[in-house]
Amino acid sequence: MMIVIEDMVAEGDKVVARCSVRARHEGDFMGRAATQAPVKFTGIAIVRIEKGMIVEAWNNFDFMTLHKQVGLLA
């Protein structure tokens, strides 16, 4: 799996990263046998930092695209 950080922005105690994920469907996933198909999807992660540590995190990734690529959705 390769995760590429496309953009990163920090303001105050929050950091936001826009990411691209590239991988290969190599194992069972939600009951679907491995297809060896390449998959690519995007997402955004937001974290809140306090005293140098992540204390909260919010993630929003395009899992619908992932599910379509491995054949879980039409």
Protein backbone atom coordinates (compact mmCIF):
# COMPACT_ATOMS: atom_id res chain seq x y z
CA MET A 1 0.00 0.00 0.00
CA MET A 2 1.17 3.51 -0.76
CA ILE A 3 -0.34 6.60 0.86
CA VAL A 4 0.59 9.89 -0.78
CA ILE A 5 -0.04 13.14 1.06
CA GLU A 6 -1.17 15.49 -1.69
CA ASP A 7 -1.65 18.56 0.52
CA MET A 8 -1.14 19.37 4.19
CA VAL A 9 -2.35 22.43 6.06
CA ALA A 10 -1.87 23.33 9.71
CA GLU A 11 -3.60 26.04 11.69
CA GLY A 12 -3.74 26.38 15.44
CA ASP A 13 -3.94 22.92 16.98
CA LYS A 14 -5.23 21.14 13.84
CA VAL A 15 -3.48 19.54 10.86
CA VAL A 16 -5.34 18.49 7.70
CA ALA A 17 -3.96 16.11 5.07
CA ARG A 18 -5.51 15.31 1.69
CA CYS A 19 -4.35 11.83 0.71
CA SER A 20 -4.35 9.37 -2.19
CA VAL A 21 -4.21 5.67 -1.41
CA ARG A 22 -2.93 3.10 -3.90
CA ALA A 23 -2.90 -0.61 -3.19
CA ARG A 24 -3.70 -4.04 -4.57
CA HIS A 25 -6.65 -6.16 -3.42
CA GLU A 26 -4.53 -9.03 -2.07
CA GLY A 27 -6.65 -10.45 0.74
CA ASP A 28 -10.24 -11.15 1.68
CA PHE A 29 -12.13 -7.91 2.15
CA MET A 30 -15.65 -7.81 3.56
CA GLY A 31 -16.29 -11.35 2.35
CA ARG A 32 -14.85 -10.73 -1.13
CA ALA A 33 -11.93 -12.93 -2.12
CA ALA A 34 -8.77 -11.22 -3.33
CA THR A 35 -8.94 -10.10 -6.98
CA GLN A 36 -5.35 -8.79 -7.25
CA ALA A 37 -6.92 -5.69 -8.83
CA PRO A 38 -5.20 -2.36 -8.25
CA VAL A 39 -7.27 0.07 -6.19
CA LYS A 40 -7.01 3.82 -5.80
CA PHE A 41 -9.09 6.12 -3.65
CA THR A 42 -8.74 9.44 -1.86
CA GLY A 43 -9.47 10.89 1.53
CA ILE A 44 -8.95 13.61 4.07
CA ALA A 45 -7.61 13.25 7.62
CA ILE A 46 -7.83 15.92 10.30
CA VAL A 47 -6.02 15.64 13.61
CA ARG A 48 -5.94 17.81 16.71
CA ILE A 49 -2.59 18.07 18.47
CA GLU A 50 -2.16 18.72 22.18
CA LYS A 51 1.21 18.69 23.95
CA GLY A 52 2.82 17.15 20.86
CA MET A 53 0.35 14.23 20.68
CA ILE A 54 -2.70 13.49 18.54
CA VAL A 55 -5.68 13.70 20.89
CA GLU A 56 -8.50 13.63 18.33
CA ALA A 57 -8.76 12.53 14.72
CA TRP A 58 -11.39 12.62 11.99
CA ASN A 59 -11.05 10.72 8.72
CA ASN A 60 -13.17 10.82 5.59
CA PHE A 61 -12.07 8.41 2.85
CA ASP A 62 -13.90 7.49 -0.36
CA PHE A 63 -14.62 3.87 0.52
CA MET A 64 -17.47 3.72 -2.04
CA THR A 65 -14.85 3.97 -4.80
CA LEU A 66 -12.81 1.24 -3.08
CA HIS A 67 -15.87 -1.01 -2.79
CA LYS A 68 -16.65 -0.55 -6.50
CA GLN A 69 -13.07 -1.39 -7.48
CA VAL A 70 -13.09 -4.72 -5.60
CA GLY A 71 -16.56 -5.67 -6.86
CA LEU A 72 -18.62 -5.11 -3.71
CA LEU A 73 -20.79 -2.48 -5.44
CA ALA A 74 -21.92 -2.14 -9.03
